[in-house]
């Protein structure tokens, strides 16, 4: 089932719950999940009784299959997070969940528009800005950084790339600056945020023009660091390095119209790669769409490419596909 189908089913289920119950569910969702689900509900106009019954029945089956509770939920959380994320990445999350860490400040930023976050941070020291942005999702952080002037943007990204972690004392300072961003104290472990990989993920989502300027600025300070970041980056044309199975999985997740726009700015080899993994009829339709589309703004094309890259990274994080090229840390042998 595609993400769109899943969202549609979730929207139908929420609408069948009623306003009060749906509101309680929304309280447990992340900002992105609220936005996506809210948009899906807004687009849902007419639903047949049969479809509602089908969705509710499916939810009932899934809920019943997951109804068995574990005896020690604390141990369960520790084990699951460590298996999913590794010891280092799981450590801070475990502290927050089991020790009730205060993340009200950073959580409030996740609900804000990038322009508002950028305005709030515009006059802060680049090191403080970097320490805050590494707590945001990569795409939100990238959108914030794009709103800075070139000098501040480059200074912040240099610090993100060279950041090796955030000590508890630094977290305390952030608490005072930004609504208690994270809880300080002896129980807070060093958070393994920032670094080359984080910088690469953010730069990936900034767009071609800004991306080149940021990399060049970092290269002036430290050529080796700039190369390390580039080695970790995975840009849209790198999709051509994926195998056919990965391309087919991506096609299942991406709407045809979005793919058409994204491929307007792609290399011919990448267009051929997608076409070769489609049915003859779908490939012919895509060719016709590409030929019939007039000139498009680069910003529109890059926006769709960014959305497809998000799908690629999600599939890679889930272990469904393996990224090739320099950014692949866990190649198959």
Protein backbone atom coordinates (compact mmCIF):
# COMPACT_ATOMS: atom_id res chain seq x y z
CA UNK A 1 0.00 0.00 0.00
CA UNK A 2 1.39 3.43 -0.94
CA UNK A 3 1.83 6.27 1.53
CA UNK A 4 -1.09 8.12 -0.09
CA UNK A 5 -3.40 5.14 0.45
CA UNK A 6 -2.28 4.80 4.06
CA UNK A 7 -2.87 8.50 4.66
CA UNK A 8 -6.30 8.30 3.09
CA UNK A 9 -7.24 5.36 5.33
CA UNK A 10 -5.93 7.21 8.39
CA UNK A 11 -7.98 10.27 7.43
CA UNK A 12 -11.14 8.18 7.08
CA UNK A 13 -10.52 6.52 10.44
CA UNK A 14 -9.98 9.89 12.17
CA UNK A 15 -13.18 11.29 10.64
CA UNK A 16 -15.11 8.26 11.85
CA UNK A 17 -13.90 8.78 15.44
CA UNK A 18 -15.50 12.15 16.01
CA UNK A 19 -13.90 15.48 16.92
CA UNK A 20 -13.06 14.85 20.59
CA UNK A 21 -11.49 11.41 20.05
CA UNK A 22 -9.62 12.56 16.93
CA UNK A 23 -8.19 15.49 18.89
CA UNK A 24 -6.77 13.07 21.47
CA UNK A 25 -5.07 11.08 18.69
CA UNK A 26 -3.55 14.23 17.19
CA UNK A 27 -1.88 15.00 20.53
CA UNK A 28 0.34 11.95 20.05
CA UNK A 29 1.48 12.78 16.50
CA UNK A 30 4.55 14.70 15.37
CA UNK A 31 4.15 18.07 13.63
CA UNK A 32 4.79 16.51 10.20
CA UNK A 33 2.28 13.75 10.86
CA UNK A 34 -0.34 16.29 11.96
CA UNK A 35 0.25 18.33 8.80
CA UNK A 36 0.04 15.34 6.45
CA UNK A 37 -2.99 13.83 8.15
CA UNK A 38 -4.73 17.21 8.38
CA UNK A 39 -4.23 17.79 4.67
CA UNK A 40 -5.56 14.30 3.89
CA UNK A 41 -8.68 14.95 6.00
CA UNK A 42 -9.24 18.32 4.31
CA UNK A 43 -9.08 16.69 0.87
CA UNK A 44 -11.52 13.93 1.83
CA UNK A 45 -14.98 15.06 0.73
CA UNK A 46 -17.16 12.00 0.09
CA UNK A 47 -16.56 8.48 1.43
CA UNK A 48 -18.84 5.51 0.89
CA UNK A 49 -20.17 3.52 3.85
CA UNK A 50 -18.41 0.44 2.42
CA UNK A 51 -15.05 2.23 2.47
CA UNK A 52 -15.54 3.39 6.07
CA UNK A 53 -16.44 -0.16 7.15
CA UNK A 54 -13.39 -1.52 5.33
CA UNK A 55 -11.02 0.95 7.04
CA UNK A 56 -12.50 0.40 10.52
CA UNK A 57 -12.36 -3.37 10.09
CA UNK A 58 -8.72 -3.20 8.99
CA UNK A 59 -7.84 -1.01 11.97
CA UNK A 60 -9.58 -3.44 14.31
CA UNK A 61 -7.54 -6.34 12.92
CA UNK A 62 -4.26 -4.44 13.28
CA UNK A 63 -5.11 -3.27 16.80
CA UNK A 64 -6.03 -6.79 17.87
CA UNK A 65 -2.76 -8.15 16.51
CA UNK A 66 -0.81 -5.64 18.62
CA UNK A 67 -2.86 -5.86 21.79
CA UNK A 68 -0.43 -8.05 23.78
CA UNK A 69 1.49 -5.81 26.19
CA UNK A 70 5.04 -6.44 27.42
CA UNK A 71 5.74 -6.96 31.12
CA UNK A 72 8.41 -4.26 31.44
CA UNK A 73 7.76 -1.33 29.13
CA UNK A 74 10.97 0.46 30.15
CA UNK A 75 13.18 -2.46 29.11
CA UNK A 76 11.11 -2.84 25.96
CA UNK A 77 11.71 0.81 24.96
CA UNK A 78 15.46 0.50 25.63
CA UNK A 79 15.78 -2.68 23.60
CA UNK A 80 13.71 -1.51 20.64
CA UNK A 81 15.44 1.87 20.36
CA UNK A 82 18.92 0.37 20.61
CA UNK A 83 18.13 -2.23 17.98
CA UNK A 84 16.63 0.39 15.68
CA UNK A 85 19.06 3.26 16.19
CA UNK A 86 22.20 1.84 17.79
CA UNK A 87 23.47 2.65 21.28
CA UNK A 88 24.68 6.20 20.56
CA UNK A 89 21.59 7.49 18.78
CA UNK A 90 19.22 5.77 21.19
CA UNK A 91 20.91 7.06 24.35
CA UNK A 92 19.49 10.58 24.41
CA UNK A 93 16.03 9.45 23.34
CA UNK A 94 15.94 6.87 26.13
CA UNK A 95 16.87 9.54 28.66
CA UNK A 96 14.13 11.84 27.41
CA UNK A 97 11.46 9.14 27.39
CA UNK A 98 12.25 7.33 30.64
CA UNK A 99 13.53 10.26 32.69
CA UNK A 100 10.93 12.77 31.53
CA UNK A 101 13.41 15.18 29.94
CA UNK A 102 12.05 18.61 29.09
CA UNK A 103 12.05 19.09 25.32
CA UNK A 104 9.39 21.78 25.23
CA UNK A 105 11.64 24.35 23.58
CA UNK A 106 12.84 22.29 20.67
CA UNK A 107 9.42 20.71 20.20
CA UNK A 108 7.89 24.17 19.90
CA UNK A 109 10.33 25.00 17.09
CA UNK A 110 9.21 21.93 15.14
CA UNK A 111 5.71 23.40 14.94
CA UNK A 112 6.93 26.76 13.62
CA UNK A 113 7.37 27.90 10.04
CA UNK A 114 11.03 28.06 8.89
CA UNK A 115 10.77 31.84 8.48
CA UNK A 116 9.78 32.24 12.13
CA UNK A 117 12.60 29.99 13.34
CA UNK A 118 15.10 31.85 11.15
CA UNK A 119 13.95 35.20 12.53
CA UNK A 120 14.25 33.93 16.10
CA UNK A 121 17.81 32.69 15.54
CA UNK A 122 19.06 35.38 13.18
CA UNK A 123 21.01 37.33 15.82
CA UNK A 124 22.33 34.38 17.80
CA UNK A 125 25.93 33.20 17.64
CA UNK A 126 26.50 30.67 14.80
CA UNK A 127 27.57 28.01 17.31
CA UNK A 128 24.28 28.37 19.19
CA UNK A 129 22.29 28.31 15.94
CA UNK A 130 24.12 25.15 14.84
CA UNK A 131 23.49 23.47 18.21
CA UNK A 132 19.77 24.20 17.89
CA UNK A 133 19.36 23.26 14.22
CA UNK A 134 20.89 19.80 14.62
CA UNK A 135 17.88 18.93 16.80
CA UNK A 136 15.43 19.69 13.97
CA UNK A 137 14.52 17.43 11.07
CA UNK A 138 16.96 17.85 8.20
CA UNK A 139 14.44 19.37 5.80
CA UNK A 140 13.20 21.92 8.34
CA UNK A 141 16.78 22.85 9.28
CA UNK A 142 17.67 23.24 5.59
CA UNK A 143 14.69 25.54 5.00
CA UNK A 144 15.74 27.68 7.99
CA UNK A 145 19.35 27.96 6.84
CA UNK A 146 18.30 29.01 3.35
CA UNK A 147 16.70 32.10 4.90
CA UNK A 148 19.99 33.30 6.45
CA UNK A 149 22.34 35.58 4.53
CA UNK A 150 25.27 33.84 2.84
CA UNK A 151 27.81 34.70 5.52
CA UNK A 152 25.69 33.43 8.41
CA UNK A 153 24.64 30.38 6.42
CA UNK A 154 28.23 29.39 5.76
CA UNK A 155 29.34 30.01 9.34
CA UNK A 156 26.50 27.89 10.73
CA UNK A 157 27.11 24.99 8.33
CA UNK A 158 30.83 24.97 9.12
CA UNK A 159 29.97 24.56 12.80
CA UNK A 160 27.38 21.87 12.10
CA UNK A 161 29.95 19.91 10.11
CA UNK A 162 32.64 20.18 12.81
CA UNK A 163 30.32 19.51 15.74
CA UNK A 164 31.26 16.31 17.55
CA UNK A 165 28.47 16.31 20.10
CA UNK A 166 26.78 18.49 22.68
CA UNK A 167 27.89 18.29 26.29
CA UNK A 168 25.41 18.61 29.19
CA UNK A 169 26.82 22.04 30.09
CA UNK A 170 26.13 23.27 26.55
CA UNK A 171 22.59 21.92 26.77
CA UNK A 172 22.06 23.98 29.91
CA UNK A 173 23.07 27.11 28.00
CA UNK A 174 20.63 26.24 25.25
CA UNK A 175 17.91 25.83 27.88
CA UNK A 176 18.37 29.43 28.94
CA UNK A 177 18.47 30.72 25.36
CA UNK A 178 15.57 28.75 23.90
CA UNK A 179 12.76 27.86 26.33
CA UNK A 180 14.81 25.08 27.93
CA UNK A 181 15.61 23.31 24.67
CA UNK A 182 16.79 20.14 26.40
CA UNK A 183 17.06 19.12 30.04
CA UNK A 184 20.54 19.63 31.52
CA UNK A 185 22.04 17.87 34.51
CA UNK A 186 24.23 14.92 35.31
CA UNK A 187 21.82 12.40 33.80
CA UNK A 188 22.04 13.93 30.33
CA UNK A 189 24.55 12.08 28.19
CA UNK A 190 26.61 13.63 25.46
CA UNK A 191 24.35 13.82 22.43
CA UNK A 192 25.91 12.57 19.20
CA UNK A 193 24.35 15.30 17.05
CA UNK A 194 26.02 17.34 14.34
CA UNK A 195 29.02 16.25 12.31
CA UNK A 196 29.76 15.56 8.66
CA UNK A 197 26.71 13.35 8.04
CA UNK A 198 24.30 15.88 9.57
CA UNK A 199 25.82 18.71 7.51
CA UNK A 200 25.53 16.61 4.34
CA UNK A 201 21.86 15.80 5.03
CA UNK A 202 21.03 19.49 5.53
CA UNK A 203 22.98 20.66 2.46
CA UNK A 204 21.29 17.97 0.36
CA UNK A 205 17.98 19.72 0.93
CA UNK A 206 19.05 23.33 0.29
CA UNK A 207 18.88 23.39 -3.50
CA UNK A 208 21.65 23.41 -6.08
CA UNK A 209 22.60 27.09 -6.01
CA UNK A 210 22.93 27.40 -2.22
CA UNK A 211 24.47 23.94 -1.94
CA UNK A 212 27.45 24.87 -4.12
CA UNK A 213 28.11 28.12 -2.27
CA UNK A 214 28.04 26.44 1.15
CA UNK A 215 30.39 23.64 0.08
CA UNK A 216 32.80 26.15 -1.47
CA UNK A 217 32.83 28.23 1.72
CA UNK A 218 33.61 25.16 3.84
CA UNK A 219 36.30 24.16 1.33
CA UNK A 220 38.06 27.50 1.90
CA UNK A 221 38.28 26.75 5.62
CA UNK A 222 39.00 23.03 5.36
CA UNK A 223 39.26 21.27 1.95
CA UNK A 224 39.35 17.82 3.57
CA UNK A 225 36.17 18.51 5.54
CA UNK A 226 34.39 19.74 2.41
CA UNK A 227 35.33 16.54 0.60
CA UNK A 228 34.07 14.41 3.51
CA UNK A 229 30.73 16.21 3.37
CA UNK A 230 30.47 15.73 -0.40
CA UNK A 231 31.24 12.04 0.04
CA UNK A 232 28.23 11.75 2.37
CA UNK A 233 25.83 13.69 0.17
CA UNK A 234 23.24 11.96 -1.96
CA UNK A 235 21.73 14.23 -4.59
CA UNK A 236 18.92 13.59 -7.05
CA UNK A 237 21.17 12.53 -9.93
CA UNK A 238 22.71 9.91 -7.59
CA UNK A 239 19.40 8.03 -7.80
CA UNK A 240 20.84 6.69 -11.06
CA UNK A 241 23.32 4.68 -8.94
CA UNK A 242 20.51 2.65 -7.36
CA UNK A 243 19.67 -0.80 -8.68
CA UNK A 244 16.50 -1.59 -10.61
CA UNK A 245 14.72 -3.05 -7.58
CA UNK A 246 15.26 0.18 -5.65
CA UNK A 247 13.94 2.25 -8.57
CA UNK A 248 10.82 0.08 -8.70
CA UNK A 249 10.22 0.57 -4.98
CA UNK A 250 10.60 4.33 -5.38
CA UNK A 251 8.10 4.33 -8.26
CA UNK A 252 5.51 2.73 -5.97
CA UNK A 253 5.89 5.60 -3.50
CA UNK A 254 5.98 8.56 -5.88
CA UNK A 255 3.05 10.05 -7.80
CA UNK A 256 3.49 10.20 -11.59
CA UNK A 257 2.94 13.96 -11.72
CA UNK A 258 5.63 14.57 -9.07
CA UNK A 259 8.06 12.32 -10.95
CA UNK A 260 7.38 14.17 -14.21
CA UNK A 261 8.24 17.52 -12.65
CA UNK A 262 11.36 16.14 -10.90
CA UNK A 263 12.69 14.57 -14.11
CA UNK A 264 12.42 17.88 -16.01
CA UNK A 265 15.77 18.82 -14.50
CA UNK A 266 17.39 15.38 -14.46
CA UNK A 267 20.16 13.92 -16.59
CA UNK A 268 19.00 11.82 -19.58
CA UNK A 269 20.52 8.68 -18.04
CA UNK A 270 18.35 9.05 -14.94
CA UNK A 271 15.21 9.57 -17.03
CA UNK A 272 16.07 6.40 -18.95
CA UNK A 273 16.60 4.54 -15.67
CA UNK A 274 13.07 5.32 -14.49
CA UNK A 275 11.53 4.61 -17.88
CA UNK A 276 13.26 1.22 -18.06
CA UNK A 277 11.65 0.18 -14.77
CA UNK A 278 8.11 1.11 -15.75
CA UNK A 279 5.55 -0.78 -17.78
CA UNK A 280 5.59 0.09 -21.48
CA UNK A 281 2.32 1.97 -21.16
CA UNK A 282 3.42 3.94 -18.07
CA UNK A 283 6.76 4.74 -19.71
CA UNK A 284 5.03 6.01 -22.84
CA UNK A 285 2.71 8.21 -20.76
CA UNK A 286 5.68 9.62 -18.84
CA UNK A 287 7.53 10.41 -22.08
CA UNK A 288 4.49 12.24 -23.41
CA UNK A 289 4.10 14.20 -20.16
CA UNK A 290 7.76 15.22 -20.22
CA UNK A 291 7.53 16.37 -23.82
CA UNK A 292 4.25 18.25 -23.36
CA UNK A 293 5.34 20.12 -20.22
CA UNK A 294 6.54 23.59 -20.97
CA UNK A 295 9.43 25.34 -19.20
CA UNK A 296 9.21 25.15 -15.42
CA UNK A 297 10.74 27.15 -12.60
CA UNK A 298 13.89 25.57 -11.20
CA UNK A 299 12.47 25.99 -7.69
CA UNK A 300 9.43 23.83 -8.60
CA UNK A 301 11.61 21.11 -10.09
CA UNK A 302 13.98 21.09 -7.10
CA UNK A 303 11.05 20.97 -4.69
CA UNK A 304 9.77 17.76 -6.27
CA UNK A 305 13.28 16.30 -6.43
CA UNK A 306 13.61 17.02 -2.72
CA UNK A 307 10.36 15.17 -2.00
CA UNK A 308 11.59 12.14 -3.94
CA UNK A 309 14.91 12.25 -2.07
CA UNK A 310 12.94 12.12 1.18
CA UNK A 311 11.30 8.92 -0.04
CA UNK A 312 14.70 7.50 -1.01
CA UNK A 313 16.19 8.28 2.40
CA UNK A 314 13.18 6.84 4.22
CA UNK A 315 13.43 3.60 2.27
CA UNK A 316 17.17 3.52 3.00
CA UNK A 317 16.58 4.14 6.72
CA UNK A 318 14.05 1.30 6.74
CA UNK A 319 16.65 -0.97 5.14
CA UNK A 320 14.45 -1.50 2.08
CA UNK A 321 17.06 -0.12 -0.31
CA UNK A 322 20.81 0.47 -0.13
CA UNK A 323 22.23 3.79 -1.24
CA UNK A 324 25.19 3.56 -3.57
CA UNK A 325 28.11 5.95 -4.05
CA UNK A 326 30.20 7.68 -1.42
CA UNK A 327 27.28 8.17 0.96
CA UNK A 328 26.77 4.47 1.53
CA UNK A 329 28.10 3.46 4.94
CA UNK A 330 26.68 -0.04 4.96
CA UNK A 331 27.16 -1.55 1.53
CA UNK A 332 26.10 -5.11 0.79
CA UNK A 333 28.98 -7.58 0.33
